[in-house]
Amino acid sequence: MKQTNRRVFMMQVALGGTALAAQQAMAQATVNEKDPQAAALGYAADSTKVDAKKFPKHAATQKCNNCALFQGKATDAAGACPLFAGKQVAGNGWCSAYAKKG
């Protein structure tokens, strides 16, 4: 009986570890600029590479890390954004949904 409980426990530990690793991998996925949602919003991982002709209201000081939607610290290299569920945007990135924090 003890051996069966150990086997069940070890299987649960293995499955739990796999689930945790998968969750962390998903949380760390970054937005691809060619993703349809990102393309529609003009997302650029580097705010200096925003198409100025297409987005003339873009300012050099506008970056994801100082946007009201950015769910990270201003010093973070990347963070979550509700516009791109389950993915992270670059802190130095930009999109047309930019909203000044504060």
Protein backbone atom coordinates (compact mmCIF):
# COMPACT_ATOMS: atom_id res chain seq x y z
CA MET A 1 0.00 0.00 0.00
CA LYS A 2 2.85 2.41 0.81
CA GLN A 3 4.46 1.78 -2.58
CA THR A 4 1.26 2.73 -4.39
CA ASN A 5 1.05 6.00 -2.46
CA ARG A 6 4.65 6.80 -3.32
CA ARG A 7 4.02 6.14 -7.00
CA VAL A 8 0.96 8.37 -6.99
CA PHE A 9 2.88 11.09 -5.15
CA MET A 10 5.80 10.94 -7.60
CA MET A 11 3.44 11.09 -10.57
CA GLN A 12 1.71 14.14 -9.08
CA VAL A 13 5.04 15.86 -8.48
CA ALA A 14 6.09 15.19 -12.08
CA LEU A 15 2.81 16.47 -13.50
CA GLY A 16 2.85 19.51 -11.25
CA GLY A 17 6.38 20.38 -12.34
CA THR A 18 5.45 20.04 -15.99
CA ALA A 19 2.40 22.28 -15.54
CA LEU A 20 4.46 24.90 -13.71
CA ALA A 21 7.12 24.91 -16.43
CA ALA A 22 4.45 25.31 -19.13
CA GLN A 23 2.83 28.18 -17.23
CA GLN A 24 6.16 29.99 -16.87
CA ALA A 25 6.93 29.51 -20.56
CA MET A 26 3.59 31.02 -21.52
CA ALA A 27 4.06 33.96 -19.16
CA GLN A 28 7.41 34.73 -20.75
CA ALA A 29 6.21 34.70 -24.36
CA THR A 30 6.74 38.04 -26.05
CA VAL A 31 4.55 39.74 -28.60
CA ASN A 32 5.61 39.25 -32.19
CA GLU A 33 5.36 42.46 -34.22
CA LYS A 34 3.79 40.46 -37.07
CA ASP A 35 1.01 39.10 -34.86
CA PRO A 36 -2.33 40.37 -36.26
CA GLN A 37 -3.23 42.20 -33.02
CA ALA A 38 0.22 43.77 -32.79
CA ALA A 39 0.21 44.79 -36.45
CA ALA A 40 -3.23 46.37 -36.11
CA LEU A 41 -1.98 48.48 -33.19
CA GLY A 42 1.32 49.35 -34.87
CA TYR A 43 3.28 47.63 -32.09
CA ALA A 44 7.05 47.98 -32.31
CA ALA A 45 9.38 46.34 -29.79
CA ASP A 46 11.71 49.33 -30.23
CA SER A 47 9.88 52.64 -29.95
CA THR A 48 12.49 54.38 -32.12
CA LYS A 49 11.41 52.23 -35.08
CA VAL A 50 7.75 53.32 -35.14
CA ASP A 51 6.54 54.34 -38.61
CA ALA A 52 6.29 58.14 -38.18
CA LYS A 53 4.24 58.56 -41.36
CA LYS A 54 1.64 56.06 -40.22
CA PHE A 55 1.65 57.25 -36.57
CA PRO A 56 2.49 60.99 -36.61
CA LYS A 57 1.29 61.48 -33.00
CA HIS A 58 3.97 59.13 -31.68
CA ALA A 59 6.46 60.91 -29.41
CA ALA A 60 9.95 59.71 -28.51
CA THR A 61 9.03 59.69 -24.82
CA GLN A 62 6.11 57.30 -25.36
CA LYS A 63 7.16 53.78 -24.43
CA CYS A 64 5.36 50.74 -23.06
CA ASN A 65 7.11 51.05 -19.70
CA ASN A 66 5.48 54.46 -19.09
CA CYS A 67 2.07 53.50 -20.50
CA ALA A 68 -0.94 53.11 -18.20
CA LEU A 69 -1.56 49.63 -19.64
CA PHE A 70 1.94 48.30 -18.86
CA GLN A 71 1.76 45.83 -15.97
CA GLY A 72 5.30 46.01 -14.74
CA LYS A 73 7.76 48.43 -13.20
CA ALA A 74 9.04 51.32 -15.29
CA THR A 75 12.52 49.77 -15.09
CA ASP A 76 11.41 46.31 -16.33
CA ALA A 77 12.74 45.19 -19.71
CA ALA A 78 9.34 43.60 -20.45
CA GLY A 79 5.93 43.30 -18.86
CA ALA A 80 2.40 42.14 -19.42
CA CYS A 81 -0.14 44.21 -21.31
CA PRO A 82 -3.89 43.48 -21.29
CA LEU A 83 -4.04 44.14 -25.04
CA PHE A 84 -1.83 41.11 -25.64
CA ALA A 85 -3.19 38.52 -23.20
CA GLY A 86 -0.63 36.00 -22.00
CA LYS A 87 2.28 37.75 -23.70
CA GLN A 88 4.77 40.39 -22.68
CA VAL A 89 5.62 43.61 -24.46
CA ALA A 90 9.05 45.20 -24.51
CA GLY A 91 9.46 48.00 -21.98
CA ASN A 92 11.02 50.04 -24.77
CA GLY A 93 8.16 49.16 -27.14
CA TRP A 94 5.20 51.23 -28.36
CA CYS A 95 1.74 50.79 -29.89
CA SER A 96 -1.06 53.13 -30.97
CA ALA A 97 -3.05 52.37 -27.79
CA TYR A 98 -0.44 54.21 -25.70
CA ALA A 99 -1.98 56.05 -22.74
CA LYS A 100 0.21 58.19 -20.52
CA LYS A 101 0.52 56.79 -17.00
CA GLY A 102 -0.66 58.92 -14.13
